[in-house]
Amino acid sequence: MKFLLTTFLIFISFGFSIQPRNSGIKIYTIKEGFTNSFKDCRYCFDEKLVSLSEKPIFDENDIESFNWKDQQIFLNESGKMKLKKNEIKLSGLPAVMVLNDKIVYGFWFWNNFSSFGCDRVYTYPNIDFKIKFGLPEMNKFGEDPRFNKVLEKYVKSRYKQN
């Protein structure tokens, strides 16, 4: 009986120490065919209504660090390899930030050579992967979704901050 009780307690404690398989940050691209959510906003989409790619283009295993204050993601080698495999057109590549399988916000990967402006959240992943809002600075539409409290708590607990 003691053996069964000990074995049971070990399984329970082991089960609670494992994070869920789907936990953490993932970044998905959006399947083509979505429409802008607002007529006055060129790069607005309702991230809850779009179809996401089957697999994330980045997940926890690709992120070396995430500087919350600067809103900057640093990729490790696997992340950099995945970035090279994705083509970012001049008009951008729509993406969605997901935390623990819940959509946090939509944003755009921007091409280094693009002269387009962006009225929402965007980043140049090939340059510095700083997540910004409005390009140029005075070209913004809506509220800035980047400073989500749940995402902040997760990032600050998961990644060392300066």
N, C-alpha and C. Protein backbone atom coordinates (compact mmCIF):
# COMPACT_ATOMS: atom_id res chain seq x y z
N MET A 1 0.81 -1.19 0.00
CA MET A 1 0.00 0.00 0.00
C MET A 1 0.86 1.27 0.00
N LYS A 2 1.94 1.23 0.81
CA LYS A 2 2.84 2.37 0.85
C LYS A 2 3.44 2.63 -0.53
N PHE A 3 3.78 1.56 -1.22
CA PHE A 3 4.38 1.67 -2.55
C PHE A 3 3.41 2.36 -3.52
N LEU A 4 2.14 1.95 -3.50
CA LEU A 4 1.15 2.56 -4.38
C LEU A 4 0.94 4.04 -4.06
N LEU A 5 0.88 4.36 -2.80
CA LEU A 5 0.70 5.75 -2.39
C LEU A 5 1.90 6.60 -2.82
N THR A 6 3.10 6.10 -2.63
CA THR A 6 4.32 6.82 -3.03
C THR A 6 4.35 7.01 -4.54
N THR A 7 4.04 5.97 -5.28
CA THR A 7 4.02 6.04 -6.75
C THR A 7 2.98 7.06 -7.21
N PHE A 8 1.82 7.03 -6.61
CA PHE A 8 0.75 7.98 -6.96
C PHE A 8 1.20 9.42 -6.70
N LEU A 9 1.80 9.68 -5.57
CA LEU A 9 2.28 11.03 -5.23
C LEU A 9 3.37 11.50 -6.20
N ILE A 10 4.23 10.60 -6.61
CA ILE A 10 5.29 10.96 -7.58
C ILE A 10 4.66 11.36 -8.90
N PHE A 11 3.71 10.59 -9.38
CA PHE A 11 3.04 10.92 -10.65
C PHE A 11 2.32 12.26 -10.57
N ILE A 12 1.66 12.52 -9.47
CA ILE A 12 0.94 13.78 -9.31
C ILE A 12 1.91 14.95 -9.29
N SER A 13 2.97 14.86 -8.50
CA SER A 13 3.92 15.98 -8.42
C SER A 13 4.64 16.18 -9.74
N PHE A 14 4.94 15.11 -10.45
CA PHE A 14 5.59 15.22 -11.76
C PHE A 14 4.65 15.89 -12.76
N GLY A 15 3.39 15.53 -12.71
CA GLY A 15 2.41 16.11 -13.63
C GLY A 15 2.22 17.60 -13.43
N PHE A 16 2.27 18.07 -12.20
CA PHE A 16 2.11 19.50 -11.94
C PHE A 16 3.35 20.31 -12.30
N SER A 17 4.49 19.66 -12.40
CA SER A 17 5.72 20.40 -12.69
C SER A 17 5.96 20.59 -14.18
N ILE A 18 5.19 19.94 -15.00
CA ILE A 18 5.36 20.05 -16.45
C ILE A 18 4.46 21.15 -16.98
N GLN A 19 5.04 22.03 -17.82
CA GLN A 19 4.22 23.07 -18.45
C GLN A 19 3.36 22.42 -19.54
N PRO A 20 2.20 22.99 -19.82
CA PRO A 20 1.39 22.46 -20.91
C PRO A 20 2.16 22.52 -22.23
N ARG A 21 1.92 21.55 -23.10
CA ARG A 21 2.63 21.48 -24.38
C ARG A 21 2.44 22.73 -25.22
N ASN A 22 1.30 23.36 -25.13
CA ASN A 22 1.01 24.50 -25.99
C ASN A 22 1.34 25.84 -25.33
N SER A 23 2.07 25.83 -24.24
CA SER A 23 2.32 27.08 -23.54
C SER A 23 3.39 27.92 -24.24
N GLY A 24 3.37 29.19 -23.92
CA GLY A 24 4.40 30.09 -24.41
C GLY A 24 3.98 30.92 -25.60
N ILE A 25 4.95 31.68 -26.08
CA ILE A 25 4.74 32.58 -27.21
C ILE A 25 4.88 31.82 -28.52
N LYS A 26 3.97 32.09 -29.42
CA LYS A 26 4.05 31.58 -30.79
C LYS A 26 3.64 32.72 -31.71
N ILE A 27 4.25 32.74 -32.88
CA ILE A 27 3.90 33.74 -33.88
C ILE A 27 3.46 33.00 -35.14
N TYR A 28 2.25 33.29 -35.57
CA TYR A 28 1.68 32.68 -36.77
C TYR A 28 1.54 33.72 -37.86
N THR A 29 1.65 33.29 -39.11
CA THR A 29 1.29 34.17 -40.21
C THR A 29 -0.20 33.97 -40.47
N ILE A 30 -0.75 34.84 -41.29
CA ILE A 30 -2.17 34.79 -41.63
C ILE A 30 -2.31 34.27 -43.06
N LYS A 31 -3.28 33.39 -43.25
CA LYS A 31 -3.54 32.89 -44.60
C LYS A 31 -4.08 34.01 -45.46
N GLU A 32 -3.78 33.95 -46.74
CA GLU A 32 -4.23 35.00 -47.66
C GLU A 32 -5.75 35.04 -47.75
N GLY A 33 -6.25 36.18 -48.19
CA GLY A 33 -7.68 36.31 -48.42
C GLY A 33 -8.42 37.08 -47.36
N PHE A 34 -7.73 37.62 -46.37
CA PHE A 34 -8.43 38.40 -45.35
C PHE A 34 -8.69 39.81 -45.89
N THR A 35 -9.64 40.49 -45.27
CA THR A 35 -9.94 41.86 -45.68
C THR A 35 -9.63 42.81 -44.52
N ASN A 36 -9.38 44.06 -44.86
CA ASN A 36 -9.13 45.07 -43.83
C ASN A 36 -10.39 45.25 -42.99
N SER A 37 -10.22 45.47 -41.71
CA SER A 37 -11.35 45.59 -40.79
C SER A 37 -11.99 46.97 -40.80
N PHE A 38 -11.22 48.00 -41.17
CA PHE A 38 -11.72 49.37 -41.17
C PHE A 38 -11.37 50.03 -42.49
N LYS A 39 -12.31 50.80 -43.04
CA LYS A 39 -12.07 51.41 -44.35
C LYS A 39 -10.96 52.46 -44.31
N ASP A 40 -10.74 53.11 -43.17
CA ASP A 40 -9.71 54.14 -43.07
C ASP A 40 -8.35 53.61 -42.62
N CYS A 41 -8.24 52.31 -42.50
CA CYS A 41 -7.00 51.70 -42.01
C CYS A 41 -6.51 50.66 -43.01
N ARG A 42 -5.39 50.90 -43.62
CA ARG A 42 -4.86 50.01 -44.66
C ARG A 42 -4.38 48.67 -44.09
N TYR A 43 -3.83 48.69 -42.88
CA TYR A 43 -3.24 47.47 -42.32
C TYR A 43 -3.95 46.96 -41.08
N CYS A 44 -5.25 47.20 -40.98
CA CYS A 44 -6.03 46.68 -39.86
C CYS A 44 -6.68 45.36 -40.26
N PHE A 45 -6.59 44.41 -39.37
CA PHE A 45 -7.35 43.17 -39.54
C PHE A 45 -7.78 42.70 -38.15
N ASP A 46 -8.92 42.04 -38.12
CA ASP A 46 -9.41 41.51 -36.85
C ASP A 46 -8.76 40.15 -36.65
N GLU A 47 -7.79 40.10 -35.76
CA GLU A 47 -7.01 38.88 -35.57
C GLU A 47 -7.85 37.70 -35.11
N LYS A 48 -9.05 37.96 -34.59
CA LYS A 48 -9.92 36.87 -34.15
C LYS A 48 -10.73 36.27 -35.31
N LEU A 49 -10.75 36.96 -36.45
CA LEU A 49 -11.54 36.49 -37.59
C LEU A 49 -10.71 35.92 -38.73
N VAL A 50 -9.40 36.09 -38.68
CA VAL A 50 -8.55 35.61 -39.77
C VAL A 50 -8.15 34.16 -39.54
N SER A 51 -7.75 33.49 -40.62
CA SER A 51 -7.27 32.11 -40.52
C SER A 51 -5.75 32.13 -40.36
N LEU A 52 -5.28 31.46 -39.32
CA LEU A 52 -3.85 31.41 -39.06
C LEU A 52 -3.20 30.26 -39.82
N SER A 53 -1.90 30.38 -40.06
CA SER A 53 -1.15 29.30 -40.69
C SER A 53 -1.25 28.04 -39.82
N GLU A 54 -1.04 26.89 -40.43
CA GLU A 54 -1.15 25.62 -39.71
C GLU A 54 -0.15 25.54 -38.56
N LYS A 55 1.08 25.97 -38.83
CA LYS A 55 2.14 25.91 -37.82
C LYS A 55 2.68 27.32 -37.58
N PRO A 56 3.15 27.58 -36.37
CA PRO A 56 3.74 28.90 -36.11
C PRO A 56 5.06 29.05 -36.87
N ILE A 57 5.38 30.28 -37.26
CA ILE A 57 6.69 30.48 -37.88
C ILE A 57 7.77 30.62 -36.81
N PHE A 58 7.38 31.06 -35.61
CA PHE A 58 8.29 31.10 -34.47
C PHE A 58 7.56 30.61 -33.24
N ASP A 59 8.30 29.94 -32.35
CA ASP A 59 7.75 29.57 -31.05
C ASP A 59 8.82 29.79 -29.99
N GLU A 60 8.54 29.38 -28.78
CA GLU A 60 9.47 29.58 -27.66
C GLU A 60 10.88 29.09 -27.98
N ASN A 61 10.99 28.00 -28.71
CA ASN A 61 12.30 27.42 -29.01
C ASN A 61 13.13 28.29 -29.95
N ASP A 62 12.53 29.27 -30.59
CA ASP A 62 13.23 30.15 -31.54
C ASP A 62 13.59 31.50 -30.94
N ILE A 63 13.07 31.79 -29.77
CA ILE A 63 13.28 33.11 -29.16
C ILE A 63 14.35 33.00 -28.08
N GLU A 64 15.41 33.76 -28.27
CA GLU A 64 16.48 33.80 -27.26
C GLU A 64 16.09 34.71 -26.10
N SER A 65 15.54 35.88 -26.43
CA SER A 65 15.09 36.80 -25.39
C SER A 65 14.05 37.76 -25.95
N PHE A 66 13.35 38.41 -25.05
CA PHE A 66 12.31 39.37 -25.40
C PHE A 66 12.46 40.53 -24.42
N ASN A 67 12.94 41.66 -24.91
CA ASN A 67 13.11 42.85 -24.07
C ASN A 67 11.77 43.59 -24.04
N TRP A 68 11.08 43.52 -22.91
CA TRP A 68 9.75 44.09 -22.81
C TRP A 68 9.75 45.60 -22.98
N LYS A 69 10.65 46.28 -22.29
CA LYS A 69 10.68 47.75 -22.32
C LYS A 69 10.88 48.26 -23.75
N ASP A 70 11.80 47.66 -24.48
CA ASP A 70 12.09 48.09 -25.85
C ASP A 70 11.22 47.39 -26.89
N GLN A 71 10.39 46.43 -26.44
CA GLN A 71 9.55 45.65 -27.35
C GLN A 71 10.40 45.05 -28.48
N GLN A 72 11.45 44.35 -28.08
CA GLN A 72 12.38 43.78 -29.06
C GLN A 72 12.58 42.29 -28.78
N ILE A 73 12.43 41.51 -29.85
CA ILE A 73 12.63 40.06 -29.78
C ILE A 73 13.98 39.73 -30.38
N PHE A 74 14.72 38.86 -29.72
CA PHE A 74 16.00 38.38 -30.22
C PHE A 74 15.84 36.89 -30.52
N LEU A 75 16.14 36.51 -31.75
CA LEU A 75 16.01 35.11 -32.17
C LEU A 75 17.32 34.37 -31.94
N ASN A 76 17.21 33.08 -31.64
CA ASN A 76 18.40 32.23 -31.58
C ASN A 76 18.66 31.69 -32.99
N GLU A 77 19.58 30.77 -33.13
CA GLU A 77 19.96 30.28 -34.46
C GLU A 77 18.79 29.61 -35.19
N SER A 78 17.99 28.82 -34.49
CA SER A 78 16.85 28.17 -35.17
C SER A 78 15.85 29.21 -35.65
N GLY A 79 15.64 30.25 -34.86
CA GLY A 79 14.74 31.33 -35.26
C GLY A 79 15.27 32.09 -36.47
N LYS A 80 16.57 32.34 -36.49
CA LYS A 80 17.19 33.04 -37.62
C LYS A 80 17.08 32.22 -38.90
N MET A 81 17.22 30.91 -38.78
CA MET A 81 17.07 30.03 -39.96
C MET A 81 15.63 30.08 -40.48
N LYS A 82 14.67 30.04 -39.59
CA LYS A 82 13.26 30.11 -39.99
C LYS A 82 12.95 31.45 -40.65
N LEU A 83 13.54 32.52 -40.12
CA LEU A 83 13.32 33.85 -40.69
C LEU A 83 13.81 33.91 -42.13
N LYS A 84 14.94 33.29 -42.40
CA LYS A 84 15.50 33.29 -43.76
C LYS A 84 14.59 32.55 -44.74
N LYS A 85 13.83 31.57 -44.25
CA LYS A 85 12.96 30.77 -45.11
C LYS A 85 11.66 31.48 -45.48
N ASN A 86 11.31 32.53 -44.75
CA ASN A 86 10.05 33.24 -44.99
C ASN A 86 10.27 34.47 -45.85
N GLU A 87 9.50 34.56 -46.92
CA GLU A 87 9.58 35.73 -47.79
C GLU A 87 8.64 36.81 -47.26
N ILE A 88 9.19 38.00 -47.10
CA ILE A 88 8.38 39.14 -46.68
C ILE A 88 8.29 40.08 -47.86
N LYS A 89 7.10 40.18 -48.44
CA LYS A 89 6.89 41.03 -49.61
C LYS A 89 7.01 42.50 -49.22
N LEU A 90 7.14 43.36 -50.22
CA LEU A 90 7.23 44.80 -49.96
C LEU A 90 6.00 45.31 -49.22
N SER A 91 4.85 44.70 -49.47
CA SER A 91 3.61 45.12 -48.81
C SER A 91 3.44 44.51 -47.42
N GLY A 92 4.42 43.73 -46.97
CA GLY A 92 4.40 43.17 -45.63
C GLY A 92 3.83 41.76 -45.55
N LEU A 93 3.97 41.16 -44.38
CA LEU A 93 3.47 39.82 -44.10
C LEU A 93 2.69 39.90 -42.79
N PRO A 94 1.36 39.70 -42.83
CA PRO A 94 0.57 39.79 -41.60
C PRO A 94 0.84 38.61 -40.68
N ALA A 95 0.87 38.89 -39.39
CA ALA A 95 1.16 37.86 -38.39
C ALA A 95 0.35 38.12 -37.13
N VAL A 96 0.33 37.12 -36.25
CA VAL A 96 -0.40 37.22 -34.99
C VAL A 96 0.49 36.70 -33.86
N MET A 97 0.55 37.46 -32.77
CA MET A 97 1.24 37.05 -31.56
C MET A 97 0.26 36.26 -30.71
N VAL A 98 0.66 35.05 -30.31
CA VAL A 98 -0.20 34.16 -29.54
C VAL A 98 0.53 33.79 -28.24
N LEU A 99 -0.19 33.79 -27.14
CA LEU A 99 0.37 33.37 -25.86
C LEU A 99 -0.52 32.30 -25.26
N ASN A 100 0.07 31.14 -25.00
CA ASN A 100 -0.67 30.02 -24.43
C ASN A 100 -1.96 29.74 -25.20
N ASP A 101 -1.82 29.72 -26.52
CA ASP A 101 -2.90 29.42 -27.46
C ASP A 101 -4.03 30.46 -27.47
N LYS A 102 -3.76 31.65 -26.96
CA LYS A 102 -4.73 32.75 -27.03
C LYS A 102 -4.11 33.89 -27.82
N ILE A 103 -4.87 34.40 -28.77
CA ILE A 103 -4.38 35.50 -29.60
C ILE A 103 -4.24 36.76 -28.75
N VAL A 104 -3.07 37.41 -28.86
CA VAL A 104 -2.82 38.64 -28.11
C VAL A 104 -3.04 39.84 -29.02
N TYR A 105 -2.35 39.88 -30.17
CA TYR A 105 -2.56 40.97 -31.13
C TYR A 105 -1.99 40.60 -32.49
N GLY A 106 -2.48 41.32 -33.49
CA GLY A 106 -1.97 41.17 -34.85
C GLY A 106 -0.92 42.22 -35.13
N PHE A 107 -0.02 41.91 -36.05
CA PHE A 107 1.01 42.86 -36.44
C PHE A 107 1.54 42.49 -37.82
N TRP A 108 2.48 43.25 -38.31
CA TRP A 108 3.03 43.03 -39.65
C TRP A 108 4.54 42.88 -39.61
N PHE A 109 5.03 41.88 -40.35
CA PHE A 109 6.46 41.81 -40.64
C PHE A 109 6.68 42.72 -41.83
N TRP A 110 7.65 43.61 -41.73
CA TRP A 110 7.90 44.59 -42.77
C TRP A 110 9.19 44.27 -43.50
N ASN A 111 9.16 44.44 -44.82
CA ASN A 111 10.34 44.22 -45.66
C ASN A 111 11.32 45.37 -45.47
N ASN A 112 12.62 45.05 -45.42
CA ASN A 112 13.67 46.07 -45.23
C ASN A 112 13.62 47.17 -46.27
N PHE A 113 13.21 46.83 -47.49
CA PHE A 113 13.27 47.77 -48.60
C PHE A 113 11.93 48.43 -48.91
N SER A 114 10.93 48.16 -48.09
CA SER A 114 9.60 48.70 -48.33
C SER A 114 9.55 50.20 -48.04
N SER A 115 8.85 50.91 -48.91
CA SER A 115 8.63 52.34 -48.67
C SER A 115 7.19 52.60 -48.22
N PHE A 116 6.44 51.52 -47.98
CA PHE A 116 5.06 51.63 -47.51
C PHE A 116 5.05 52.14 -46.07
N GLY A 117 4.00 52.85 -45.70
CA GLY A 117 3.77 53.21 -44.31
C GLY A 117 2.87 52.15 -43.68
N CYS A 118 2.87 52.07 -42.37
CA CYS A 118 2.02 51.11 -41.67
C CYS A 118 1.32 51.81 -40.52
N ASP A 119 -0.01 51.75 -40.51
CA ASP A 119 -0.77 52.44 -39.47
C ASP A 119 -1.06 51.58 -38.25
N ARG A 120 -0.48 50.41 -38.19
CA ARG A 120 -0.69 49.51 -37.04
C ARG A 120 0.66 49.06 -36.48
N VAL A 121 0.69 47.90 -35.85
CA VAL A 121 1.90 47.36 -35.24
C VAL A 121 2.71 46.65 -36.33
N TYR A 122 4.02 46.88 -36.31
CA TYR A 122 4.90 46.30 -37.33
C TYR A 122 6.29 46.05 -36.74
N THR A 123 7.08 45.27 -37.46
CA THR A 123 8.48 45.06 -37.10
C THR A 123 9.29 44.75 -38.35
N TYR A 124 10.54 45.11 -38.32
CA TYR A 124 11.50 44.71 -39.35
C TYR A 124 12.30 43.55 -38.76
N PRO A 125 11.85 42.31 -38.95
CA PRO A 125 12.54 41.19 -38.30
C PRO A 125 13.97 40.97 -38.80
N ASN A 126 14.24 41.36 -40.04
CA ASN A 126 15.59 41.17 -40.57
C ASN A 126 16.56 42.24 -40.09
N ILE A 127 16.07 43.31 -39.50
CA ILE A 127 16.95 44.38 -39.01
C ILE A 127 17.14 44.24 -37.50
N ASP A 128 16.08 44.50 -36.73
CA ASP A 128 16.25 44.48 -35.28
C ASP A 128 15.10 43.83 -34.52
N PHE A 129 14.02 43.46 -35.20
CA PHE A 129 12.84 42.82 -34.61
C PHE A 129 12.26 43.64 -33.47
N LYS A 130 12.38 44.98 -33.54
CA LYS A 130 11.69 45.84 -32.58
C LYS A 130 10.25 45.98 -33.04
N ILE A 131 9.33 45.73 -32.13
CA ILE A 131 7.91 45.80 -32.46
C ILE A 131 7.45 47.22 -32.18
N LYS A 132 6.99 47.91 -33.23
CA LYS A 132 6.65 49.33 -33.14
C LYS A 132 5.20 49.56 -33.54
N PHE A 133 4.74 50.79 -33.34
CA PHE A 133 3.35 51.14 -33.64
C PHE A 133 3.33 52.41 -34.48
N GLY A 134 2.87 52.29 -35.72
CA GLY A 134 2.73 53.44 -36.62
C GLY A 134 4.01 53.81 -37.34
N LEU A 135 3.96 53.75 -38.67
CA LEU A 135 5.11 54.10 -39.52
C LEU A 135 4.62 55.00 -40.64
N PRO A 136 5.01 56.25 -40.71
CA PRO A 136 5.87 56.96 -39.76
C PRO A 136 5.15 57.17 -38.43
N GLU A 137 5.84 57.72 -37.48
CA GLU A 137 5.37 57.87 -36.10
C GLU A 137 3.96 58.47 -35.99
N MET A 138 3.63 59.47 -36.83
CA MET A 138 2.31 60.12 -36.71
C MET A 138 1.22 59.37 -37.48
N ASN A 139 1.56 58.27 -38.11
CA ASN A 139 0.61 57.48 -38.90
C ASN A 139 0.13 56.29 -38.08
N LYS A 140 -0.82 56.52 -37.16
CA LYS A 140 -1.30 55.46 -36.28
C LYS A 140 -2.82 55.38 -36.37
N PHE A 141 -3.32 54.15 -36.26
CA PHE A 141 -4.77 53.95 -36.26
C PHE A 141 -5.12 53.09 -35.05
N GLY A 142 -6.01 53.58 -34.21
CA GLY A 142 -6.49 52.80 -33.07
C GLY A 142 -5.54 52.81 -31.89
N GLU A 143 -5.83 51.93 -30.96
CA GLU A 143 -5.04 51.80 -29.74
C GLU A 143 -3.83 50.90 -29.98
N ASP A 144 -2.76 51.16 -29.26
CA ASP A 144 -1.54 50.36 -29.34
C ASP A 144 -1.73 49.09 -28.49
N PRO A 145 -1.76 47.90 -29.11
CA PRO A 145 -2.04 46.67 -28.37
C PRO A 145 -0.81 45.98 -27.78
N ARG A 146 0.38 46.53 -28.00
CA ARG A 146 1.61 45.82 -27.64
C ARG A 146 1.79 45.58 -26.14
N PHE A 147 1.30 46.49 -25.31
CA PHE A 147 1.60 46.40 -23.88
C PHE A 147 0.50 45.67 -23.11
N ASN A 148 0.15 44.50 -23.60
CA ASN A 148 -0.85 43.63 -23.00
C ASN A 148 -0.32 43.13 -21.64
N LYS A 149 -1.12 43.26 -20.59
CA LYS A 149 -0.68 42.93 -19.23
C LYS A 149 -0.35 41.44 -19.06
N VAL A 150 -1.13 40.56 -19.67
CA VAL A 150 -0.87 39.13 -19.55
C VAL A 150 0.44 38.78 -20.25
N LEU A 151 0.65 39.34 -21.44
CA LEU A 151 1.90 39.12 -22.17
C LEU A 151 3.08 39.69 -21.38
N GLU A 152 2.89 40.88 -20.81
CA GLU A 152 3.97 41.50 -20.02
C GLU A 152 4.39 40.60 -18.86
N LYS A 153 3.42 40.11 -18.13
CA LYS A 153 3.72 39.24 -16.98
C LYS A 153 4.48 38.00 -17.43
N TYR A 154 4.06 37.42 -18.53
CA TYR A 154 4.72 36.22 -19.04
C TYR A 154 6.15 36.53 -19.48
N VAL A 155 6.32 37.57 -20.29
CA VAL A 155 7.64 37.92 -20.82
C VAL A 155 8.61 38.23 -19.68
N LYS A 156 8.16 39.00 -18.71
CA LYS A 156 9.05 39.37 -17.60
C LYS A 156 9.42 38.19 -16.72
N SER A 157 8.55 37.19 -16.64
CA SER A 157 8.88 36.00 -15.84
C SER A 157 9.72 34.99 -16.64
N ARG A 158 9.58 35.00 -17.94
CA ARG A 158 10.26 34.00 -18.79
C ARG A 158 11.63 34.46 -19.27
N TYR A 159 11.78 35.75 -19.57
CA TYR A 159 13.02 36.28 -20.15
C TYR A 159 13.64 37.32 -19.22
N LYS A 160 14.95 37.21 -19.04
CA LYS A 160 15.68 38.17 -18.20
C LYS A 160 15.55 39.56 -18.81
N GLN A 161 15.22 40.54 -17.96
CA GLN A 161 15.06 41.92 -18.41
C GLN A 161 16.23 42.75 -17.89
N ASN A 162 16.63 43.75 -18.66
CA ASN A 162 17.74 44.64 -18.24
C ASN A 162 17.27 45.67 -17.26
